[in-house]
Amino acid sequence: MVGVGLVAETQTDSERRRVLIAEDEALIRLDLAEMLVEEGYEVVGEAGDGETAVRLAEELKPDLVILDIKMPIMDGLAAAERIAGARIAPVIILTAFSQRDLVERARAAGAMAYLVKPFQKSDLVPAVEIALSRYSEIAALESEVAGLTDRLEIRKTVERAKGALMTTYGMTEPQAFKWIQRTAMDHRMTMKEVAERILAETSGGEIAEQPTS
């Protein structure tokens, strides 16, 4: 398999990322906006309740939406379901609670990542990049097939292939996915075919030609 060079994501990439924040506590919302701006993101809208967040998401079409769970009128989980269900943008759930059932409900609502308050900038930025990366992966995989069952099967195969690349070559998760995606494009294969080949070759030894990162 021919290696494909990868360029690590730099902060210039995030300068184009437009973020909508929904948090009913003004001070937290301000801190969150400041952190994002300091990291090069553009805060295009702010909301204090879930209903306003959904309306702004529909109007502004941001690249990412950050939603607090506890908000008036409509909570963050309900807003996440609306935004994620309409495929408007990836969602990060912000909560002061870390119970496992809440995390599972956030995932079920369509959240790509979550943050537990209080958080630092060192927690925020990775969550943002994870959410953006996972969302783009899902969109890319969904473009290959129409059926839900097939999409789920492909996602499982690609996840395993990403893990193999990460273990064998020390790639990050986004790098592994980009390598699979670009290799599929370069060789006119589907991502499932590339993933299956990675799994076959890593199970019997290393990939014929090591990917460059």
C-alpha atoms as a PDB file:
ATOM      1  CA  MET A   1       0.000   0.000   0.000  1.00  0.00           C
ATOM      2  CA  VAL A   2       1.445   3.359  -0.979  1.00  0.00           C
ATOM      3  CA  GLY A   3       2.088   5.735   1.939  1.00  0.00           C
ATOM      4  CA  VAL A   4       0.419   9.103   1.918  1.00  0.00           C
ATOM      5  CA  GLY A   5       2.001  12.106   3.643  1.00  0.00           C
ATOM      6  CA  LEU A   6      -0.057  13.702   6.360  1.00  0.00           C
ATOM      7  CA  VAL A   7       0.139  17.249   7.561  1.00  0.00           C
ATOM      8  CA  ALA A   8      -0.735  17.585  11.229  1.00  0.00           C
ATOM      9  CA  GLU A   9      -3.536  19.972  11.984  1.00  0.00           C
ATOM     10  CA  THR A  10      -2.163  23.392  12.860  1.00  0.00           C
ATOM     11  CA  GLN A  11      -3.814  26.310  14.490  1.00  0.00           C
ATOM     12  CA  THR A  12      -4.259  27.971  11.099  1.00  0.00           C
ATOM     13  CA  ASP A  13      -6.836  25.263  10.413  1.00  0.00           C
ATOM     14  CA  SER A  14      -8.872  26.265  13.450  1.00  0.00           C
ATOM     15  CA  GLU A  15      -8.959  29.935  12.430  1.00  0.00           C
ATOM     16  CA  ARG A  16     -11.684  29.017   9.993  1.00  0.00           C
ATOM     17  CA  ARG A  17     -13.712  27.178  12.636  1.00  0.00           C
ATOM     18  CA  ARG A  18     -16.891  29.053  13.556  1.00  0.00           C
ATOM     19  CA  VAL A  19     -18.310  28.187  16.986  1.00  0.00           C
ATOM     20  CA  LEU A  20     -21.710  28.774  18.592  1.00  0.00           C
ATOM     21  CA  ILE A  21     -21.843  28.750  22.405  1.00  0.00           C
ATOM     22  CA  ALA A  22     -24.962  28.062  24.483  1.00  0.00           C
ATOM     23  CA  GLU A  23     -24.553  28.431  28.251  1.00  0.00           C
ATOM     24  CA  ASP A  24     -27.000  30.070  30.654  1.00  0.00           C
ATOM     25  CA  GLU A  25     -24.287  31.306  33.038  1.00  0.00           C
ATOM     26  CA  ALA A  26     -22.877  34.498  31.517  1.00  0.00           C
ATOM     27  CA  LEU A  27     -19.473  34.271  33.237  1.00  0.00           C
ATOM     28  CA  ILE A  28     -18.861  30.727  32.026  1.00  0.00           C
ATOM     29  CA  ARG A  29     -20.017  31.719  28.551  1.00  0.00           C
ATOM     30  CA  LEU A  30     -17.555  34.642  28.588  1.00  0.00           C
ATOM     31  CA  ASP A  31     -14.676  32.442  29.767  1.00  0.00           C
ATOM     32  CA  LEU A  32     -15.477  29.864  27.119  1.00  0.00           C
ATOM     33  CA  ALA A  33     -15.590  32.486  24.371  1.00  0.00           C
ATOM     34  CA  GLU A  34     -12.268  33.967  25.510  1.00  0.00           C
ATOM     35  CA  MET A  35     -10.575  30.560  25.498  1.00  0.00           C
ATOM     36  CA  LEU A  36     -11.840  29.811  21.988  1.00  0.00           C
ATOM     37  CA  VAL A  37     -10.803  33.205  20.606  1.00  0.00           C
ATOM     38  CA  GLU A  38      -7.345  32.861  22.177  1.00  0.00           C
ATOM     39  CA  GLU A  39      -6.958  29.570  20.327  1.00  0.00           C
ATOM     40  CA  GLY A  40      -7.934  31.104  16.990  1.00  0.00           C
ATOM     41  CA  TYR A  41     -11.568  30.023  16.762  1.00  0.00           C
ATOM     42  CA  GLU A  42     -14.294  32.471  15.788  1.00  0.00           C
ATOM     43  CA  VAL A  43     -17.278  32.719  18.147  1.00  0.00           C
ATOM     44  CA  VAL A  44     -20.157  33.564  15.795  1.00  0.00           C
ATOM     45  CA  GLY A  45     -23.021  33.412  18.290  1.00  0.00           C
ATOM     46  CA  GLU A  46     -23.958  33.038  21.952  1.00  0.00           C
ATOM     47  CA  ALA A  47     -27.171  31.831  23.579  1.00  0.00           C
ATOM     48  CA  GLY A  48     -28.478  31.480  27.109  1.00  0.00           C
ATOM     49  CA  ASP A  49     -31.049  28.775  26.407  1.00  0.00           C
ATOM     50  CA  GLY A  50     -31.435  25.728  24.187  1.00  0.00           C
ATOM     51  CA  GLU A  51     -34.228  27.102  22.043  1.00  0.00           C
ATOM     52  CA  THR A  52     -32.178  30.145  21.038  1.00  0.00           C
ATOM     53  CA  ALA A  53     -29.200  27.871  20.429  1.00  0.00           C
ATOM     54  CA  VAL A  54     -31.167  25.768  17.926  1.00  0.00           C
ATOM     55  CA  ARG A  55     -32.449  28.872  16.136  1.00  0.00           C
ATOM     56  CA  LEU A  56     -28.957  30.402  15.903  1.00  0.00           C
ATOM     57  CA  ALA A  57     -27.495  27.097  14.712  1.00  0.00           C
ATOM     58  CA  GLU A  58     -30.053  26.964  11.914  1.00  0.00           C
ATOM     59  CA  GLU A  59     -29.371  30.592  10.948  1.00  0.00           C
ATOM     60  CA  LEU A  60     -25.583  30.767  11.337  1.00  0.00           C
ATOM     61  CA  LYS A  61     -24.605  27.222  10.253  1.00  0.00           C
ATOM     62  CA  PRO A  62     -21.524  27.130  12.538  1.00  0.00           C
ATOM     63  CA  ASP A  63     -18.759  24.534  12.305  1.00  0.00           C
ATOM     64  CA  LEU A  64     -19.307  23.533  15.937  1.00  0.00           C
ATOM     65  CA  VAL A  65     -21.890  24.031  18.697  1.00  0.00           C
ATOM     66  CA  ILE A  66     -21.062  23.875  22.407  1.00  0.00           C
ATOM     67  CA  LEU A  67     -24.121  23.278  24.598  1.00  0.00           C
ATOM     68  CA  ASP A  68     -24.492  23.324  28.373  1.00  0.00           C
ATOM     69  CA  ILE A  69     -26.861  20.600  29.575  1.00  0.00           C
ATOM     70  CA  LYS A  70     -28.723  22.645  32.185  1.00  0.00           C
ATOM     71  CA  MET A  71     -30.427  25.515  30.339  1.00  0.00           C
ATOM     72  CA  PRO A  72     -33.897  27.081  30.494  1.00  0.00           C
ATOM     73  CA  ILE A  73     -36.699  26.621  27.920  1.00  0.00           C
ATOM     74  CA  MET A  74     -34.892  23.731  26.203  1.00  0.00           C
ATOM     75  CA  ASP A  75     -32.005  21.819  27.799  1.00  0.00           C
ATOM     76  CA  GLY A  76     -28.753  21.005  26.053  1.00  0.00           C
ATOM     77  CA  LEU A  77     -29.627  17.378  25.352  1.00  0.00           C
ATOM     78  CA  ALA A  78     -32.844  18.308  23.558  1.00  0.00           C
ATOM     79  CA  ALA A  79     -31.018  21.052  21.635  1.00  0.00           C
ATOM     80  CA  ALA A  80     -28.256  18.583  20.728  1.00  0.00           C
ATOM     81  CA  GLU A  81     -30.829  16.156  19.325  1.00  0.00           C
ATOM     82  CA  ARG A  82     -32.275  18.909  17.125  1.00  0.00           C
ATOM     83  CA  ILE A  83     -28.923  20.224  15.901  1.00  0.00           C
ATOM     84  CA  ALA A  84     -27.256  16.829  15.400  1.00  0.00           C
ATOM     85  CA  GLY A  85     -30.423  15.333  13.922  1.00  0.00           C
ATOM     86  CA  ALA A  86     -30.547  18.062  11.280  1.00  0.00           C
ATOM     87  CA  ARG A  87     -26.833  17.524  10.502  1.00  0.00           C
ATOM     88  CA  ILE A  88     -26.124  21.209  11.143  1.00  0.00           C
ATOM     89  CA  ALA A  89     -22.864  20.834  13.059  1.00  0.00           C
ATOM     90  CA  PRO A  90     -21.015  18.630  15.548  1.00  0.00           C
ATOM     91  CA  VAL A  91     -22.002  19.176  19.173  1.00  0.00           C
ATOM     92  CA  ILE A  92     -19.987  19.269  22.386  1.00  0.00           C
ATOM     93  CA  ILE A  93     -21.980  18.868  25.593  1.00  0.00           C
ATOM     94  CA  LEU A  94     -20.871  20.950  28.596  1.00  0.00           C
ATOM     95  CA  THR A  95     -21.940  19.751  32.020  1.00  0.00           C
ATOM     96  CA  ALA A  96     -21.145  20.100  35.695  1.00  0.00           C
ATOM     97  CA  PHE A  97     -21.979  16.438  36.186  1.00  0.00           C
ATOM     98  CA  SER A  98     -19.874  13.428  35.300  1.00  0.00           C
ATOM     99  CA  GLN A  99     -22.346  10.596  35.874  1.00  0.00           C
ATOM    100  CA  ARG A 100     -22.041   7.825  33.333  1.00  0.00           C
ATOM    101  CA  ASP A 101     -25.737   7.853  32.451  1.00  0.00           C
ATOM    102  CA  LEU A 102     -25.530  11.547  31.505  1.00  0.00           C
ATOM    103  CA  VAL A 103     -22.601  10.862  29.197  1.00  0.00           C
ATOM    104  CA  GLU A 104     -24.560   8.069  27.534  1.00  0.00           C
ATOM    105  CA  ARG A 105     -27.587  10.337  27.107  1.00  0.00           C
ATOM    106  CA  ALA A 106     -25.333  12.971  25.530  1.00  0.00           C
ATOM    107  CA  ARG A 107     -23.998  10.423  23.062  1.00  0.00           C
ATOM    108  CA  ALA A 108     -27.496   9.246  22.274  1.00  0.00           C
ATOM    109  CA  ALA A 109     -28.461  12.865  21.607  1.00  0.00           C
ATOM    110  CA  GLY A 110     -25.734  13.036  18.967  1.00  0.00           C
ATOM    111  CA  ALA A 111     -22.913  14.722  20.884  1.00  0.00           C
ATOM    112  CA  MET A 112     -19.437  14.119  19.448  1.00  0.00           C
ATOM    113  CA  ALA A 113     -17.655  14.970  22.732  1.00  0.00           C
ATOM    114  CA  TYR A 114     -18.345  16.313  26.197  1.00  0.00           C
ATOM    115  CA  LEU A 115     -16.623  18.500  28.802  1.00  0.00           C
ATOM    116  CA  VAL A 116     -17.078  18.374  32.559  1.00  0.00           C
ATOM    117  CA  LYS A 117     -16.962  21.699  34.430  1.00  0.00           C
ATOM    118  CA  PRO A 118     -14.728  23.144  35.694  1.00  0.00           C
ATOM    119  CA  PHE A 119     -12.439  22.726  32.692  1.00  0.00           C
ATOM    120  CA  GLN A 120      -9.216  24.267  31.425  1.00  0.00           C
ATOM    121  CA  LYS A 121      -8.173  25.353  27.954  1.00  0.00           C
ATOM    122  CA  SER A 122      -6.100  22.168  27.840  1.00  0.00           C
ATOM    123  CA  ASP A 123      -9.379  20.223  28.126  1.00  0.00           C
ATOM    124  CA  LEU A 124     -11.374  22.398  25.727  1.00  0.00           C
ATOM    125  CA  VAL A 125      -9.157  22.354  22.646  1.00  0.00           C
ATOM    126  CA  PRO A 126      -8.795  18.535  22.410  1.00  0.00           C
ATOM    127  CA  ALA A 127     -12.568  18.160  22.843  1.00  0.00           C
ATOM    128  CA  VAL A 128     -13.166  20.632  20.011  1.00  0.00           C
ATOM    129  CA  GLU A 129     -10.751  18.838  17.684  1.00  0.00           C
ATOM    130  CA  ILE A 130     -12.181  15.418  18.574  1.00  0.00           C
ATOM    131  CA  ALA A 131     -15.717  16.607  17.849  1.00  0.00           C
ATOM    132  CA  LEU A 132     -14.735  18.152  14.511  1.00  0.00           C
ATOM    133  CA  SER A 133     -12.710  15.089  13.522  1.00  0.00           C
ATOM    134  CA  ARG A 134     -15.421  12.566  14.431  1.00  0.00           C
ATOM    135  CA  TYR A 135     -18.079  14.598  12.658  1.00  0.00           C
ATOM    136  CA  SER A 136     -16.036  14.769   9.443  1.00  0.00           C
ATOM    137  CA  GLU A 137     -15.365  11.024   9.664  1.00  0.00           C
ATOM    138  CA  ILE A 138     -19.054  10.219   9.950  1.00  0.00           C
ATOM    139  CA  ALA A 139     -19.898  12.518   7.043  1.00  0.00           C
ATOM    140  CA  ALA A 140     -17.217  10.904   4.882  1.00  0.00           C
ATOM    141  CA  LEU A 141     -18.333   7.381   5.730  1.00  0.00           C
ATOM    142  CA  GLU A 142     -21.994   8.190   5.176  1.00  0.00           C
ATOM    143  CA  SER A 143     -21.189   9.475   1.701  1.00  0.00           C
ATOM    144  CA  GLU A 144     -19.986   5.995   0.716  1.00  0.00           C
ATOM    145  CA  VAL A 145     -23.204   4.112   1.434  1.00  0.00           C
ATOM    146  CA  ALA A 146     -26.853   4.940   1.938  1.00  0.00           C
ATOM    147  CA  GLY A 147     -28.050   2.138   4.223  1.00  0.00           C
ATOM    148  CA  LEU A 148     -27.807   2.533   7.993  1.00  0.00           C
ATOM    149  CA  THR A 149     -26.689  -1.068   8.531  1.00  0.00           C
ATOM    150  CA  ASP A 150     -23.897  -0.701   5.955  1.00  0.00           C
ATOM    151  CA  ARG A 151     -22.792   2.599   7.496  1.00  0.00           C
ATOM    152  CA  LEU A 152     -22.507   1.040  10.930  1.00  0.00           C
ATOM    153  CA  GLU A 153     -20.553  -1.904   9.518  1.00  0.00           C
ATOM    154  CA  ILE A 154     -18.129   0.395   7.703  1.00  0.00           C
ATOM    155  CA  ARG A 155     -17.642   2.529  10.804  1.00  0.00           C
ATOM    156  CA  LYS A 156     -16.744  -0.566  12.840  1.00  0.00           C
ATOM    157  CA  THR A 157     -14.228  -1.715  10.208  1.00  0.00           C
ATOM    158  CA  VAL A 158     -12.652   1.728   9.870  1.00  0.00           C
ATOM    159  CA  GLU A 159     -12.444   2.096  13.664  1.00  0.00           C
ATOM    160  CA  ARG A 160     -10.512  -1.177  13.877  1.00  0.00           C
ATOM    161  CA  ALA A 161      -8.214  -0.113  11.033  1.00  0.00           C
ATOM    162  CA  LYS A 162      -7.550   3.237  12.714  1.00  0.00           C
ATOM    163  CA  GLY A 163      -6.608   1.378  15.873  1.00  0.00           C
ATOM    164  CA  ALA A 164      -4.188  -0.809  13.913  1.00  0.00           C
ATOM    165  CA  LEU A 165      -2.475   2.234  12.378  1.00  0.00           C
ATOM    166  CA  MET A 166      -2.304   3.995  15.742  1.00  0.00           C
ATOM    167  CA  THR A 167      -0.753   0.939  17.392  1.00  0.00           C
ATOM    168  CA  THR A 168       1.660   0.081  14.587  1.00  0.00           C
ATOM    169  CA  TYR A 169       2.830   3.563  13.605  1.00  0.00           C
ATOM    170  CA  GLY A 170       1.975   5.760  16.572  1.00  0.00           C
ATOM    171  CA  MET A 171      -0.493   7.869  14.612  1.00  0.00           C
ATOM    172  CA  THR A 172      -3.125   9.994  16.276  1.00  0.00           C
ATOM    173  CA  GLU A 173      -6.769   9.108  15.600  1.00  0.00           C
ATOM    174  CA  PRO A 174      -7.298  11.995  13.119  1.00  0.00           C
ATOM    175  CA  GLN A 175      -4.055  11.125  11.287  1.00  0.00           C
ATOM    176  CA  ALA A 176      -5.101   7.481  10.953  1.00  0.00           C
ATOM    177  CA  PHE A 177      -8.475   8.400   9.503  1.00  0.00           C
ATOM    178  CA  LYS A 178      -6.972  10.924   7.085  1.00  0.00           C
ATOM    179  CA  TRP A 179      -4.484   8.318   5.914  1.00  0.00           C
ATOM    180  CA  ILE A 180      -7.297   5.840   5.213  1.00  0.00           C
ATOM    181  CA  GLN A 181      -9.377   8.510   3.475  1.00  0.00           C
ATOM    182  CA  ARG A 182      -6.558   9.816   1.288  1.00  0.00           C
ATOM    183  CA  THR A 183      -5.347   6.333   0.389  1.00  0.00           C
ATOM    184  CA  ALA A 184      -8.865   5.427  -0.694  1.00  0.00           C
ATOM    185  CA  MET A 185      -9.019   8.526  -2.907  1.00  0.00           C
ATOM    186  CA  ASP A 186      -5.547   8.003  -4.392  1.00  0.00           C
ATOM    187  CA  HIS A 187      -6.194   4.350  -5.240  1.00  0.00           C
ATOM    188  CA  ARG A 188      -9.866   4.723  -6.188  1.00  0.00           C
ATOM    189  CA  MET A 189     -10.929   2.370  -3.439  1.00  0.00           C
ATOM    190  CA  THR A 190     -13.631   2.683  -0.813  1.00  0.00           C
ATOM    191  CA  MET A 191     -12.552   3.392   2.763  1.00  0.00           C
ATOM    192  CA  LYS A 192     -13.944   0.010   3.722  1.00  0.00           C
ATOM    193  CA  GLU A 193     -11.647  -1.696   1.198  1.00  0.00           C
ATOM    194  CA  VAL A 194      -8.630   0.224   2.508  1.00  0.00           C
ATOM    195  CA  ALA A 195      -9.587  -0.554   6.113  1.00  0.00           C
ATOM    196  CA  GLU A 196      -9.987  -4.264   5.348  1.00  0.00           C
ATOM    197  CA  ARG A 197      -6.585  -4.322   3.661  1.00  0.00           C
ATOM    198  CA  ILE A 198      -4.974  -2.597   6.652  1.00  0.00           C
ATOM    199  CA  LEU A 199      -6.513  -5.146   9.000  1.00  0.00           C
ATOM    200  CA  ALA A 200      -5.411  -8.056   6.821  1.00  0.00           C
ATOM    201  CA  GLU A 201      -1.842  -6.786   6.511  1.00  0.00           C
ATOM    202  CA  THR A 202      -1.361  -5.676  10.112  1.00  0.00           C
ATOM    203  CA  SER A 203      -2.678  -8.988  11.411  1.00  0.00           C
ATOM    204  CA  GLY A 204      -0.033 -10.809   9.397  1.00  0.00           C
ATOM    205  CA  GLY A 205       2.732  -8.268   9.830  1.00  0.00           C
ATOM    206  CA  GLU A 206       3.360  -4.660   8.907  1.00  0.00           C
ATOM    207  CA  ILE A 207       1.767  -2.810   6.036  1.00  0.00           C
ATOM    208  CA  ALA A 208       3.815  -3.242   2.871  1.00  0.00           C
ATOM    209  CA  GLU A 209       4.977   0.381   2.916  1.00  0.00           C
ATOM    210  CA  GLN A 210       4.900   2.364   6.112  1.00  0.00           C
ATOM    211  CA  PRO A 211       2.703   5.478   6.008  1.00  0.00           C
ATOM    212  CA  THR A 212       4.536   8.769   6.395  1.00  0.00           C
ATOM    213  CA  SER A 213       3.239  11.172   8.991  1.00  0.00           C
END
